[in-house]
Every structure is written in structure tokens, then in C-alpha cells.
Amino acid sequence: MPSILIVEDEAKMRRLLELNLSEEGYTTHAVADAEGGLNHLRQETADLVVTDLKLPGMSGLEFLQEVKRMDAMLPVILMTAFGTVETAVEAMKGGASDYVLKPFSMEELKLVIRKELDFHRLREENRSLREALGKRYEFRNIIARSPRMQEVLATVGRAAQTNSTVLLGGESGVGKDLIARAIHENSRRASGPFVKINCTAIPENLLESELFGYEKGAFTGATTSKPGKFELADKGTLFLDEIGDVPSGIQVKLLGVIQERQFERLGGTRRLKVDVRLVAATNRDLRAALEQGTFREDLYYRLNVVPINIPPLREHKEDIPYLVDYFIQRFAHDAGKSITGITSAGLKKLTDFHWPGNVRELENIVERAVALSANAIISEQDISLDGVPSELPEAAMPFLPAGMTLEQWEDEMIREALRRTKNNKSQAARLLGISRNALRYRLSKMGLSDEE
């Protein structure tokens, strides 16, 4: 079993931690201060460190820095009072793995320890990831032969074996929902429910009740009680799509559920316990959202335990022929057509395109070609691409207009896209080759509201 070093100056708490973790089967060693902890690490190995943030002599932060100098990969969990949460977040930036707020239950601490040990094992296994990439990783409904995507799937396979929270990043249309389902179906929770909620598809005033449920009489029209997504996903996986757009008020409640594994329904007083594995996804840059103050730092670090970034289709075009074959077979079967393939000119047209909408856009274009083609082989003429050609002759590519900066030119292009689409934001984003959220962010920088 893993060995745990406990650093706690209060004797009763130190003894309590030592007894409880020993009962779980861990090998424990407890010391009263940071100096004792460092001496132990110089002589013995440890798989994880649990330390108080406030210690006599050397502080918990200083102790953390010394531990990371000795072993940058060693997970460290901080115990801290509510008033020092900001310091704990700073410590996580400096390398701490997680923190628990005092007073905490032993079950909460054990859960955090198990999660960190799982992730530590995952990181150790990733050291041999490059060698293991010779193996072909395959998941149901996911076509990925390129080295970039094989690396992603290798991480997915390892993450699936743990209970750690996963944060999926990537542009709209790259297949984050398929990856989330693959994680669930290859995990120990595969027999449990997989529940998905798109956080942007539900109005802000309804999102809280959708997530946490409500009691009868909680608001006008609540004639019966209703369970939320967290309850429905108990013993399974909850997939929070577009997590970056969750309002700040609900972010607080989400953080509480992740930390305590329990919550109250809207209008209720009874605390409900749940056992849910979280997979979150976003097409936003959450670090930029942290700087803008629209996303909580503590929630970000709780979600970003196992980050998996899915590259856009234009960065793994080697997969396009395999994706096209897969989509042709599927849509031809559904349409009752005997279409068997695509011409080399048609395939070149697809591989040369810049794919702002990623795999989802490729899927839609192949479906359209299958529906409209009158031949057994899809030709170049059957393929209708949205937007402009991917490449222009060098002489036809103008440089910046005189006297205009790059930022000014980009703002003018956004205004022109809005004019051409008659102010349809989604169409304008597709025309520009950016996501809807990226356009929303640019409009805010230009001083324009998203509704104007």
C-alpha cells in the first residue's frame, strides 16, 4: 500500500490522522513540524504528503517549496482553515495537488487522498507513454489513427481507470462528448448512468434546479419534487459540457459538491450524498477566464485534475480519409444507397479545407454529399464546402491596409462578417473560422454587447 507522510503540529489531530489512514491500509509516518518532514523524506520515500498550512517554524508553504525541490512529482495535500483559502489556491499554483478545509470529515480527506494517488499513478505511467504509442488505441465510435489523436486516446484509457475529475479542452466540434462517453464506458462506473448536461443550453435561472433538483413548492410551478442531474448520475459519470459558461453563483455550489460530495436541492434542507465522477468540457480558455474574473480559481483547480486537450481537425488531417470512409458507410447505410467511396479529387478537396467546425462540420458535409450524390462514388462536384477556400494564391493575399494595426484589421473583419450575415452571430463566427464563444469575447473587447 502507498506510504503517507503526515505533518501536523497538533498532537491529537496528528494521532487521529495517523490512526484513520492506517486503518485504510496506508503506511503512515507522522511528524510535528516541517523540519521533521524534510528529514523523513531525505531518509525514506513517501507516495503522498498531507500537511497543515500553518506550522511552527517553517510554514506549510515553505515546506511545500522544499518538498517540490526534492521531488517535483510528489503529491502534497494541504489542510487549511477557511480564512486561508486564497493562500491554499496560491499554493496549488506552486505545486500543491489539492487542499481540504478545516473542519473536514475523514471520509472527505480519504476521498481526496485516493484521487491524488490515482492521478500520481497516472502521471508515473505516462512516463512510458511514448513507448506505448506503438499500440493502437481504439474506442467505440472514435476514429483516430494520427499520432496526435493516438496520444489523446492513450491518456483517455489511463484516465478512465481512475476516479479523478477530467477537464476536456478543445474547439467546438472536435468530439469532446465522444471522449467523455469513452472515459465512462471504459471506467469502473461503466454499469452506472452517464448523464450529460449542456450548461449553455439551459437558461441561467433554470440551471441550478437542473443540476441539483428542487423540492415541491421551491418556486411557482414546482408542484412536485424533482431530482437533479447529480442525483441521476449517482454511481456513474456526470458530463458538464461548456463548463466555462456556468454563472458565478452556480460555480460556488459546484465547488461545494466537488469538495463535500453532498448538496441540498433547491428549496430543500436535507443534505443529499452522491458518488459521481465528473467530466467537464469547455471550448473556452479557462485561464483567460480566470484573469477576467469570470471563472473561480478554486473551481478551476478542482476540475483540472486530469486535463485532456483535443486538437482541432486541421492539426491531424491524417485522420480525414478514415473519418470520411466511416461517415460514408454510415450515411449510405441509413439512406439505403450503394455509395462505396470518394474520388481522390474529392478527398483532396476535403483535406485542403481549413475546417473551422472540425469533425462535426466534416460529418455534416459528408452527409450532405451522400444525400445529393447520384453515383456510387462521391466526386469533387458532390462536395459543397461552407466558407471560403482554404488556400489562396500568394499574390491574391493582401497585407494589412496602410495605417491599420492587426487588431484594428481584425475588428473590421468582425464587423464585415456581421454585415454579411445580417448580424447573425453564429453564422459570422463560422465565416471567421472561430467559435461562438471566441466571437462573444471579441465583441466584448470591442465594446459591443452580444445582443446588439
Protein backbone atom coordinates (compact mmCIF):
# COMPACT_ATOMS: atom_id res chain seq x y z
CA MET A 1 0.00 0.00 0.00
CA PRO A 2 1.13 3.61 -0.56
CA SER A 3 3.04 5.40 2.20
CA ILE A 4 1.79 8.76 3.51
CA LEU A 5 3.76 11.38 5.42
CA ILE A 6 1.62 13.43 7.86
CA VAL A 7 2.90 16.86 9.00
CA GLU A 8 0.65 18.31 11.75
CA ASP A 9 1.71 20.24 14.86
CA GLU A 10 -1.44 19.49 16.91
CA ALA A 11 -0.84 16.16 18.67
CA LYS A 12 -4.47 14.97 18.81
CA MET A 13 -5.12 15.73 15.14
CA ARG A 14 -1.81 14.12 14.17
CA ARG A 15 -2.73 10.92 16.05
CA LEU A 16 -6.26 10.92 14.59
CA LEU A 17 -4.95 11.20 11.04
CA GLU A 18 -2.36 8.50 11.64
CA LEU A 19 -4.91 6.03 13.05
CA ASN A 20 -7.58 6.62 10.39
CA LEU A 21 -5.20 6.38 7.44
CA SER A 22 -3.51 3.31 8.90
CA GLU A 23 -6.94 1.65 9.15
CA GLU A 24 -7.34 2.26 5.41
CA GLY A 25 -4.22 0.17 4.87
CA TYR A 26 -1.78 3.01 4.19
CA THR A 27 1.71 3.03 5.65
CA THR A 28 1.89 6.26 7.69
CA HIS A 29 4.58 8.34 9.34
CA ALA A 30 3.59 11.43 11.38
CA VAL A 31 5.77 14.38 12.42
CA ALA A 32 5.07 17.64 14.25
CA ASP A 33 6.84 20.17 12.01
CA ALA A 34 8.24 20.81 8.53
CA GLU A 35 11.83 20.13 9.55
CA GLY A 36 10.86 16.66 10.74
CA GLY A 37 9.00 16.06 7.49
CA LEU A 38 12.03 17.02 5.38
CA ASN A 39 14.32 14.80 7.47
CA HIS A 40 11.98 11.87 6.90
CA LEU A 41 11.87 12.47 3.13
CA ARG A 42 15.67 12.58 2.98
CA GLN A 43 15.83 9.11 4.55
CA GLU A 44 12.63 7.40 3.39
CA THR A 45 10.34 7.55 0.37
CA ALA A 46 6.69 8.63 0.50
CA ASP A 47 3.92 8.38 -2.06
CA LEU A 48 1.97 11.38 -0.72
CA VAL A 49 2.28 14.16 1.86
CA VAL A 50 -0.56 15.58 3.99
CA THR A 51 0.47 18.81 5.72
CA ASP A 52 -1.07 21.63 7.69
CA LEU A 53 -0.68 25.05 6.09
CA LYS A 54 0.21 26.67 9.42
CA LEU A 55 3.20 25.06 11.09
CA PRO A 56 5.67 26.17 13.78
CA GLY A 57 8.99 27.34 12.38
CA MET A 58 8.97 26.70 8.64
CA SER A 59 5.48 27.38 7.24
CA GLY A 60 3.47 24.92 5.16
CA LEU A 61 4.17 26.97 2.01
CA GLU A 62 7.93 26.93 2.64
CA PHE A 63 7.72 23.20 3.35
CA LEU A 64 5.87 22.72 0.04
CA GLN A 65 8.63 24.54 -1.85
CA GLU A 66 11.32 22.35 -0.25
CA VAL A 67 9.37 19.16 -0.99
CA LYS A 68 8.99 20.16 -4.66
CA ARG A 69 12.74 20.80 -4.90
CA MET A 70 13.35 17.26 -3.65
CA ASP A 71 10.65 15.60 -5.80
CA ALA A 72 8.57 17.72 -8.16
CA MET A 73 6.14 14.83 -8.80
CA LEU A 74 5.34 14.03 -5.15
CA PRO A 75 1.66 14.93 -4.45
CA VAL A 76 1.07 17.26 -1.49
CA ILE A 77 -2.36 17.84 0.10
CA LEU A 78 -2.82 20.92 2.30
CA MET A 79 -5.06 21.17 5.36
CA THR A 80 -6.19 24.74 5.89
CA ALA A 81 -8.80 26.86 7.68
CA PHE A 82 -11.49 28.72 5.73
CA GLY A 83 -9.75 32.08 6.17
CA THR A 84 -6.65 30.95 4.28
CA VAL A 85 -8.32 29.55 1.14
CA GLU A 86 -6.63 32.20 -1.03
CA THR A 87 -3.25 31.09 0.32
CA ALA A 88 -4.13 27.49 -0.47
CA VAL A 89 -5.00 28.42 -4.05
CA GLU A 90 -1.63 30.17 -4.34
CA ALA A 91 -0.01 27.01 -3.00
CA MET A 92 -1.73 24.95 -5.70
CA LYS A 93 -0.17 27.24 -8.27
CA GLY A 94 3.16 26.45 -6.61
CA GLY A 95 2.67 22.72 -6.95
CA ALA A 96 0.26 21.56 -4.24
CA SER A 97 -2.10 18.86 -5.50
CA ASP A 98 -5.24 19.73 -3.52
CA TYR A 99 -6.48 21.11 -0.22
CA VAL A 100 -9.18 20.36 2.38
CA LEU A 101 -10.89 22.94 4.57
CA LYS A 102 -10.91 22.53 8.35
CA PRO A 103 -13.03 21.19 9.91
CA PHE A 104 -13.25 18.30 7.46
CA SER A 105 -14.54 14.74 7.70
CA MET A 106 -12.11 11.87 7.48
CA GLU A 107 -14.14 10.49 4.56
CA GLU A 108 -13.55 13.72 2.63
CA LEU A 109 -9.78 13.54 3.26
CA LYS A 110 -9.66 9.86 2.29
CA LEU A 111 -11.50 10.64 -0.94
CA VAL A 112 -9.01 13.40 -1.83
CA ILE A 113 -6.08 11.12 -0.99
CA ARG A 114 -7.41 8.30 -3.18
CA LYS A 115 -7.94 10.76 -6.04
CA GLU A 116 -4.42 12.16 -5.80
CA LEU A 117 -2.81 8.73 -5.54
CA ASP A 118 -4.78 7.65 -8.63
CA PHE A 119 -3.57 10.70 -10.54
CA HIS A 120 0.01 10.25 -9.31
CA ARG A 121 -0.05 6.69 -10.63
CA LEU A 122 -1.42 8.02 -13.92
CA ARG A 123 1.45 10.51 -14.24
CA GLU A 124 4.01 7.80 -13.48
CA GLU A 125 2.51 5.60 -16.18
CA ASN A 126 2.68 8.50 -18.64
CA ARG A 127 6.47 8.40 -18.46
CA SER A 128 6.31 5.33 -20.68
CA LEU A 129 3.52 6.77 -22.84
CA ARG A 130 5.75 7.48 -25.83
CA GLU A 131 6.89 3.87 -25.98
CA ALA A 132 3.32 2.64 -25.60
CA LEU A 133 2.12 4.69 -28.57
CA GLY A 134 3.16 1.85 -30.81
CA LYS A 135 -0.05 0.22 -29.62
CA ARG A 136 -3.23 1.22 -31.46
CA TYR A 137 -5.80 2.69 -29.08
CA GLU A 138 -9.39 2.27 -30.19
CA PHE A 139 -12.71 3.31 -28.66
CA ARG A 140 -16.23 2.80 -29.93
CA ASN A 141 -17.35 5.47 -32.47
CA ILE A 142 -13.97 7.28 -32.33
CA ILE A 143 -11.83 7.30 -35.48
CA ALA A 144 -8.26 8.31 -34.63
CA ARG A 145 -5.17 6.95 -36.41
CA SER A 146 -2.90 10.02 -36.30
CA PRO A 147 -0.11 10.27 -33.69
CA ARG A 148 -1.75 13.36 -32.14
CA MET A 149 -5.06 11.61 -31.56
CA GLN A 150 -3.45 8.32 -30.53
CA GLU A 151 -1.69 10.24 -27.76
CA VAL A 152 -5.04 11.67 -26.67
CA LEU A 153 -6.66 8.22 -26.64
CA ALA A 154 -3.76 6.77 -24.64
CA THR A 155 -4.39 9.39 -21.95
CA VAL A 156 -8.14 8.70 -22.13
CA GLY A 157 -7.51 4.99 -21.50
CA ARG A 158 -5.41 5.72 -18.43
CA ALA A 159 -7.75 8.40 -17.08
CA ALA A 160 -10.70 6.03 -17.43
CA GLN A 161 -9.15 3.66 -14.89
CA THR A 162 -9.21 6.31 -12.16
CA ASN A 163 -11.96 8.26 -10.40
CA SER A 164 -10.24 11.60 -10.96
CA THR A 165 -12.07 14.57 -12.41
CA VAL A 166 -11.26 15.15 -16.09
CA LEU A 167 -11.30 18.52 -17.88
CA LEU A 168 -11.62 18.25 -21.67
CA GLY A 169 -10.48 21.23 -23.73
CA GLY A 170 -10.79 21.90 -27.44
CA GLU A 171 -12.68 23.82 -30.06
CA SER A 172 -16.34 23.24 -30.79
CA GLY A 173 -16.90 20.13 -32.89
CA VAL A 174 -13.71 18.19 -32.00
CA GLY A 175 -15.65 15.38 -30.27
CA LYS A 176 -15.45 16.19 -26.57
CA ASP A 177 -18.77 14.42 -25.93
CA LEU A 178 -17.47 11.20 -27.55
CA ILE A 179 -14.30 11.35 -25.46
CA ALA A 180 -16.35 11.88 -22.28
CA ARG A 181 -18.51 8.85 -23.08
CA ALA A 182 -15.38 6.77 -23.84
CA ILE A 183 -13.97 7.65 -20.41
CA HIS A 184 -17.22 6.49 -18.77
CA GLU A 185 -17.61 3.29 -20.81
CA ASN A 186 -14.04 2.19 -20.05
CA SER A 187 -14.17 3.01 -16.34
CA ARG A 188 -15.25 1.05 -13.28
CA ARG A 189 -18.50 3.05 -13.45
CA ALA A 190 -19.48 1.75 -16.91
CA SER A 191 -22.52 -0.09 -15.48
CA GLY A 192 -23.75 3.16 -13.89
CA PRO A 193 -25.52 6.06 -15.62
CA PHE A 194 -23.85 8.53 -17.98
CA VAL A 195 -25.64 11.86 -17.61
CA LYS A 196 -24.86 14.85 -19.81
CA ILE A 197 -25.90 18.46 -19.34
CA ASN A 198 -25.01 21.34 -21.69
CA CYS A 199 -24.55 24.31 -19.39
CA THR A 200 -25.19 26.87 -22.18
CA ALA A 201 -28.38 25.22 -23.48
CA ILE A 202 -30.29 25.88 -20.24
CA PRO A 203 -31.30 29.40 -19.11
CA GLU A 204 -29.35 30.67 -16.10
CA ASN A 205 -32.43 30.78 -13.86
CA LEU A 206 -33.15 27.07 -14.55
CA LEU A 207 -29.60 25.68 -14.49
CA GLU A 208 -29.40 25.36 -10.69
CA SER A 209 -32.61 23.33 -10.49
CA GLU A 210 -31.47 21.14 -13.41
CA LEU A 211 -28.19 20.36 -11.69
CA PHE A 212 -29.34 19.98 -8.09
CA GLY A 213 -33.09 19.33 -8.38
CA TYR A 214 -35.83 21.03 -6.38
CA GLU A 215 -38.40 20.33 -3.69
CA LYS A 216 -42.13 20.76 -4.00
CA GLY A 217 -43.06 24.41 -3.51
CA ALA A 218 -39.50 25.67 -4.06
CA PHE A 219 -40.85 28.14 -6.65
CA THR A 220 -44.04 28.90 -8.54
CA GLY A 221 -44.96 25.86 -10.61
CA ALA A 222 -42.95 23.36 -8.53
CA THR A 223 -45.92 21.09 -7.81
CA THR A 224 -43.74 18.02 -7.21
CA SER A 225 -40.17 17.32 -6.18
CA LYS A 226 -37.64 16.57 -8.93
CA PRO A 227 -34.14 15.10 -8.74
CA GLY A 228 -31.29 16.94 -10.46
CA LYS A 229 -28.54 15.67 -12.72
CA PHE A 230 -26.20 14.97 -9.78
CA GLU A 231 -28.73 12.56 -8.24
CA LEU A 232 -29.45 10.92 -11.60
CA ALA A 233 -25.72 10.34 -12.14
CA ASP A 234 -25.15 8.70 -8.73
CA LYS A 235 -22.70 5.75 -9.04
CA GLY A 236 -21.95 6.90 -12.60
CA THR A 237 -20.49 9.83 -14.55
CA LEU A 238 -21.80 13.39 -14.91
CA PHE A 239 -20.63 15.21 -18.05
CA LEU A 240 -20.76 19.01 -17.68
CA ASP A 241 -20.43 20.38 -21.21
CA GLU A 242 -19.43 24.05 -21.71
CA ILE A 243 -18.44 24.41 -18.04
CA GLY A 244 -16.77 27.75 -18.81
CA ASP A 245 -20.17 29.41 -19.26
CA VAL A 246 -21.58 28.46 -15.84
CA PRO A 247 -22.67 31.60 -13.88
CA SER A 248 -20.57 32.54 -10.84
CA GLY A 249 -23.35 31.76 -8.35
CA ILE A 250 -23.63 28.17 -9.55
CA GLN A 251 -19.83 27.84 -9.66
CA VAL A 252 -19.85 28.24 -5.86
CA LYS A 253 -22.37 25.43 -5.44
CA LEU A 254 -20.48 23.19 -7.86
CA LEU A 255 -17.31 23.70 -5.84
CA GLY A 256 -19.19 22.67 -2.70
CA VAL A 257 -20.43 19.43 -4.29
CA ILE A 258 -16.93 18.53 -5.53
CA GLN A 259 -15.42 19.16 -2.09
CA GLU A 260 -18.11 17.62 0.12
CA ARG A 261 -19.85 15.13 -2.23
CA GLN A 262 -23.18 16.34 -0.90
CA PHE A 263 -25.66 19.15 -1.59
CA GLU A 264 -29.21 20.40 -1.00
CA ARG A 265 -31.99 20.54 -3.54
CA LEU A 266 -33.39 23.95 -4.41
CA GLY A 267 -35.82 24.82 -1.63
CA GLY A 268 -34.72 21.86 0.49
CA THR A 269 -32.95 21.50 3.84
CA ARG A 270 -31.82 17.85 3.68
CA ARG A 271 -28.23 17.15 2.62
CA LEU A 272 -28.02 14.54 -0.14
CA LYS A 273 -24.87 12.47 -0.64
CA VAL A 274 -23.77 11.42 -4.13
CA ASP A 275 -20.98 9.30 -5.60
CA VAL A 276 -20.38 10.90 -9.00
CA ARG A 277 -17.35 11.03 -11.30
CA LEU A 278 -17.15 14.43 -13.03
CA VAL A 279 -16.02 15.02 -16.60
CA ALA A 280 -16.17 18.68 -17.66
CA ALA A 281 -15.58 20.20 -21.09
CA THR A 282 -15.03 23.68 -22.44
CA ASN A 283 -14.10 25.36 -25.70
CA ARG A 284 -13.06 28.49 -23.79
CA ASP A 285 -9.62 29.37 -22.50
CA LEU A 286 -10.35 28.99 -18.78
CA ARG A 287 -7.03 30.58 -17.83
CA ALA A 288 -8.12 33.74 -19.68
CA ALA A 289 -11.45 33.49 -17.85
CA LEU A 290 -9.52 33.37 -14.55
CA GLU A 291 -7.72 36.59 -15.44
CA GLN A 292 -11.02 38.22 -16.42
CA GLY A 293 -12.57 37.14 -13.12
CA THR A 294 -15.42 35.21 -14.77
CA PHE A 295 -14.30 31.78 -13.53
CA ARG A 296 -13.29 30.82 -9.98
CA GLU A 297 -9.70 29.79 -9.41
CA ASP A 298 -10.54 27.21 -6.75
CA LEU A 299 -13.14 25.55 -9.01
CA TYR A 300 -10.69 25.52 -11.92
CA TYR A 301 -8.05 23.67 -9.89
CA ARG A 302 -10.67 21.18 -8.66
CA LEU A 303 -11.75 20.44 -12.25
CA ASN A 304 -8.31 20.47 -13.87
CA VAL A 305 -7.06 17.28 -12.21
CA VAL A 306 -6.59 15.32 -15.45
CA PRO A 307 -6.56 17.81 -18.36
CA ILE A 308 -7.05 16.38 -21.86
CA ASN A 309 -6.79 18.80 -24.78
CA ILE A 310 -8.29 17.55 -28.05
CA PRO A 311 -6.59 19.08 -31.11
CA PRO A 312 -8.63 20.68 -33.93
CA LEU A 313 -9.10 18.65 -37.12
CA ARG A 314 -6.72 20.88 -39.09
CA GLU A 315 -3.88 19.64 -36.81
CA HIS A 316 -4.48 15.94 -37.51
CA LYS A 317 -5.64 15.85 -41.12
CA GLU A 318 -4.18 12.35 -41.47
CA ASP A 319 -7.46 11.17 -39.90
CA ILE A 320 -9.68 12.74 -42.58
CA PRO A 321 -9.60 9.76 -45.05
CA TYR A 322 -10.59 7.33 -42.26
CA LEU A 323 -13.31 9.68 -40.96
CA VAL A 324 -14.69 10.15 -44.48
CA ASP A 325 -14.85 6.37 -45.07
CA TYR A 326 -16.61 5.89 -41.74
CA PHE A 327 -19.18 8.63 -42.41
CA ILE A 328 -19.83 7.42 -45.99
CA GLN A 329 -20.55 3.89 -44.80
CA ARG A 330 -22.83 5.11 -42.03
CA PHE A 331 -24.85 7.63 -44.04
CA ALA A 332 -25.06 5.42 -47.14
CA HIS A 333 -26.49 2.62 -44.99
CA ASP A 334 -29.01 4.97 -43.35
CA ALA A 335 -30.08 6.38 -46.75
CA GLY A 336 -30.26 2.97 -48.42
CA LYS A 337 -27.68 3.99 -51.04
CA SER A 338 -24.86 1.88 -52.51
CA ILE A 339 -22.17 4.55 -52.21
CA THR A 340 -18.81 2.90 -51.63
CA GLY A 341 -16.20 5.67 -51.56
CA ILE A 342 -14.88 9.01 -52.75
CA THR A 343 -12.65 10.09 -55.64
CA SER A 344 -9.07 11.25 -55.00
CA ALA A 345 -10.01 14.77 -56.16
CA GLY A 346 -12.93 14.82 -53.74
CA LEU A 347 -10.74 13.64 -50.88
CA LYS A 348 -8.10 16.27 -51.72
CA LYS A 349 -10.79 18.94 -51.61
CA LEU A 350 -11.68 17.82 -48.09
CA THR A 351 -8.09 17.56 -46.84
CA ASP A 352 -7.20 21.02 -48.21
CA PHE A 353 -10.08 22.70 -46.35
CA HIS A 354 -9.35 24.57 -43.09
CA TRP A 355 -12.26 23.02 -41.06
CA PRO A 356 -13.34 25.76 -38.63
CA GLY A 357 -16.15 23.44 -37.49
CA ASN A 358 -13.84 20.43 -37.02
CA VAL A 359 -15.10 16.83 -37.15
CA ARG A 360 -18.75 17.85 -36.72
CA GLU A 361 -18.52 20.04 -39.83
CA LEU A 362 -16.83 17.23 -41.78
CA GLU A 363 -19.61 14.87 -40.73
CA ASN A 364 -22.33 17.28 -41.94
CA ILE A 365 -20.61 17.86 -45.30
CA VAL A 366 -20.17 14.12 -45.95
CA GLU A 367 -23.81 13.51 -45.01
CA ARG A 368 -24.88 16.21 -47.50
CA ALA A 369 -22.67 14.70 -50.23
CA VAL A 370 -24.13 11.23 -49.65
CA ALA A 371 -27.66 12.60 -49.77
CA LEU A 372 -27.12 14.53 -53.03
CA SER A 373 -24.80 12.17 -54.94
CA ALA A 374 -26.34 10.17 -57.81
CA ASN A 375 -23.27 7.96 -58.27
CA ALA A 376 -21.65 5.07 -56.44
CA ILE A 377 -18.55 7.18 -55.81
CA ILE A 378 -18.70 10.70 -54.33
CA SER A 379 -16.99 13.18 -56.64
CA GLU A 380 -15.49 16.62 -56.10
CA GLN A 381 -18.68 18.18 -57.53
CA ASP A 382 -20.81 16.45 -54.87
CA ILE A 383 -18.93 18.23 -52.07
CA SER A 384 -20.17 21.66 -51.07
CA LEU A 385 -17.90 23.39 -48.54
CA ASP A 386 -19.02 26.22 -46.28
CA GLY A 387 -17.00 29.44 -46.23
CA VAL A 388 -14.03 30.36 -48.37
CA PRO A 389 -11.35 28.07 -49.92
CA SER A 390 -8.61 27.02 -47.53
CA GLU A 391 -5.76 28.45 -49.64
CA LEU A 392 -5.42 31.47 -51.91
CA PRO A 393 -2.62 32.23 -54.39
CA GLU A 394 0.12 34.19 -52.64
CA ALA A 395 -0.34 37.18 -54.98
CA ALA A 396 -4.04 37.32 -54.11
CA MET A 397 -3.42 37.53 -50.37
CA PRO A 398 -3.39 41.22 -49.35
CA PHE A 399 -1.28 42.51 -46.48
CA LEU A 400 -2.58 44.93 -43.80
CA PRO A 401 -4.05 48.16 -45.21
CA ALA A 402 -1.73 51.11 -44.75
CA GLY A 403 -2.02 52.80 -41.37
CA MET A 404 -4.04 49.96 -39.81
CA THR A 405 -2.85 47.72 -36.96
CA LEU A 406 -3.54 43.99 -36.81
CA GLU A 407 -6.07 44.48 -34.00
CA GLN A 408 -7.91 47.19 -35.96
CA TRP A 409 -7.97 44.98 -39.04
CA GLU A 410 -9.36 42.04 -37.04
CA ASP A 411 -12.09 44.28 -35.56
CA GLU A 412 -13.01 45.45 -39.07
CA MET A 413 -13.19 41.85 -40.29
CA ILE A 414 -15.58 41.02 -37.43
CA ARG A 415 -17.80 43.97 -38.35
CA GLU A 416 -17.72 42.91 -42.00
CA ALA A 417 -18.69 39.34 -41.07
CA LEU A 418 -21.64 40.69 -39.07
CA ARG A 419 -22.71 42.85 -42.01
CA ARG A 420 -22.55 39.93 -44.44
CA THR A 421 -24.56 37.66 -42.14
CA LYS A 422 -27.07 40.39 -41.21
CA ASN A 423 -25.86 40.30 -37.59
CA ASN A 424 -26.28 36.54 -37.18
CA LYS A 425 -23.56 35.81 -34.61
CA SER A 426 -23.35 32.04 -35.21
CA GLN A 427 -23.03 32.47 -38.99
CA ALA A 428 -20.48 35.26 -38.50
CA ALA A 429 -18.37 33.01 -36.24
CA ARG A 430 -18.41 30.23 -38.86
CA LEU A 431 -17.47 32.72 -41.60
CA LEU A 432 -14.50 33.90 -39.49
CA GLY A 433 -13.46 30.36 -38.60
CA ILE A 434 -13.74 30.91 -34.84
CA SER A 435 -16.03 29.56 -32.13
CA ARG A 436 -19.18 31.34 -30.98
CA ASN A 437 -17.63 31.98 -27.57
CA ALA A 438 -14.48 33.43 -29.16
CA LEU A 439 -16.66 35.86 -31.13
CA ARG A 440 -18.54 36.80 -27.96
CA TYR A 441 -15.21 37.57 -26.25
CA ARG A 442 -14.00 39.69 -29.19
CA LEU A 443 -17.27 41.65 -29.24
CA SER A 444 -16.87 42.43 -25.54
CA LYS A 445 -13.31 43.71 -26.18
CA MET A 446 -14.70 45.92 -28.97
CA GLY A 447 -17.26 47.36 -26.55
CA LEU A 448 -20.20 45.71 -28.34
CA SER A 449 -22.77 43.65 -26.46
CA ASP A 450 -23.55 40.19 -27.73
CA GLU A 451 -27.18 41.22 -28.28
CA GLU A 452 -26.51 44.32 -30.38
